[in-house]
Amino acid sequence: MNRQETKCASLPRFPSMELAQRAAAAKKVKHVAYACECNGFHAVKVGLTRNQARRVEQEAYYGDLLRIVHSMTGREIARLEAAGVPRRKYKRNQE
């Protein structure tokens, strides 16, 4: 099978499971090593990152209120852009 035609063509390929497990352990986000049908081994990310987990917790806690606020801010931004108001560039630590 031509590896370029498989679904794993974009993933880094390791010749042994040990090397794939080392690569998975070296990552900050949780990774898992697995054997593939391309006769190689891959290390892929599983689970959520800290920001994704925090976003899920916020959505669960605030629920509909968060969605309403996001839609209102989106509508306000769209209204201002349609009126031709330029976006404001804020400079940090400006006194």
Protein backbone atom coordinates (compact mmCIF):
# COMPACT_ATOMS: atom_id res chain seq x y z
CA MET A 1 0.00 0.00 0.00
CA ASN A 2 1.31 3.45 -0.89
CA ARG A 3 1.68 5.35 2.35
CA GLN A 4 0.86 8.68 0.67
CA GLU A 5 -2.65 7.40 -0.10
CA THR A 6 -3.46 6.34 3.46
CA LYS A 7 -5.21 8.35 6.14
CA CYS A 8 -1.99 8.44 8.18
CA ALA A 9 0.09 10.14 5.48
CA SER A 10 0.29 13.41 7.43
CA LEU A 11 1.25 11.77 10.75
CA PRO A 12 4.87 11.26 11.79
CA ARG A 13 5.79 7.59 11.36
CA PHE A 14 8.06 5.68 13.72
CA PRO A 15 9.78 2.38 12.88
CA SER A 16 9.16 0.82 16.31
CA MET A 17 6.58 1.01 19.07
CA GLU A 18 9.28 2.00 21.58
CA LEU A 19 10.22 5.10 19.61
CA ALA A 20 6.56 6.06 19.22
CA GLN A 21 5.99 5.67 22.97
CA ARG A 22 9.04 7.84 23.71
CA ALA A 23 7.74 10.53 21.38
CA ALA A 24 4.29 10.34 23.01
CA ALA A 25 5.78 10.65 26.50
CA ALA A 26 7.84 13.69 25.48
CA LYS A 27 4.76 15.72 24.51
CA LYS A 28 3.14 18.12 27.01
CA VAL A 29 -0.38 17.16 25.93
CA LYS A 30 -1.36 13.53 26.45
CA HIS A 31 -0.38 11.39 23.46
CA VAL A 32 -0.81 7.70 22.76
CA ALA A 33 1.31 5.44 20.54
CA TYR A 34 -0.39 2.85 18.34
CA ALA A 35 0.38 0.43 15.53
CA CYS A 36 -0.98 1.31 12.11
CA GLU A 37 -1.93 -0.60 8.97
CA CYS A 38 0.95 1.13 7.13
CA ASN A 39 3.35 -1.20 9.02
CA GLY A 40 4.52 1.68 11.18
CA PHE A 41 3.69 3.29 14.49
CA HIS A 42 2.21 6.72 15.24
CA ALA A 43 1.84 8.97 18.28
CA VAL A 44 -1.37 11.02 18.33
CA LYS A 45 -2.99 13.43 20.77
CA VAL A 46 -5.90 12.18 22.87
CA GLY A 47 -8.12 14.07 25.24
CA LEU A 48 -8.56 17.82 25.56
CA THR A 49 -5.98 20.53 26.08
CA ARG A 50 -6.24 22.72 29.17
CA ASN A 51 -7.94 25.52 27.24
CA GLN A 52 -10.42 23.13 25.61
CA ALA A 53 -11.27 21.58 28.99
CA ARG A 54 -11.72 25.03 30.54
CA ARG A 55 -14.01 26.06 27.68
CA VAL A 56 -16.14 22.93 28.16
CA GLU A 57 -16.41 23.61 31.90
CA GLN A 58 -17.43 27.24 31.27
CA GLU A 59 -20.06 26.21 28.73
CA ALA A 60 -21.45 23.64 31.16
CA TYR A 61 -21.55 26.16 34.02
CA TYR A 62 -22.92 29.21 32.20
CA GLY A 63 -24.97 27.37 29.59
CA ASP A 64 -27.35 29.52 27.58
CA LEU A 65 -26.15 32.78 29.13
CA LEU A 66 -22.72 32.33 27.58
CA ARG A 67 -24.20 31.63 24.15
CA ILE A 68 -26.46 34.71 24.42
CA VAL A 69 -23.52 36.95 25.34
CA HIS A 70 -21.38 35.59 22.50
CA SER A 71 -24.18 36.10 19.97
CA MET A 72 -24.83 39.64 21.24
CA THR A 73 -21.16 40.62 20.97
CA GLY A 74 -20.96 39.04 17.52
CA ARG A 75 -23.98 41.02 16.36
CA GLU A 76 -22.57 44.25 17.80
CA ILE A 77 -19.23 43.71 16.05
CA ALA A 78 -21.01 42.95 12.77
CA ARG A 79 -23.13 46.09 13.14
CA LEU A 80 -20.05 48.26 13.75
CA GLU A 81 -18.16 46.73 10.81
CA ALA A 82 -21.17 47.30 8.55
CA ALA A 83 -21.24 50.95 9.66
CA GLY A 84 -17.60 51.32 8.63
CA VAL A 85 -16.19 51.87 12.11
CA PRO A 86 -12.49 50.87 12.10
CA ARG A 87 -11.27 48.38 14.64
CA ARG A 88 -9.41 49.94 17.50
CA LYS A 89 -5.86 48.85 18.15
CA TYR A 90 -5.09 48.85 21.86
CA LYS A 91 -1.54 49.36 23.03
CA ARG A 92 -0.65 47.49 26.16
CA ASN A 93 1.11 49.23 29.05
CA GLN A 94 0.17 52.62 27.71
CA GLU A 95 0.09 55.28 30.40
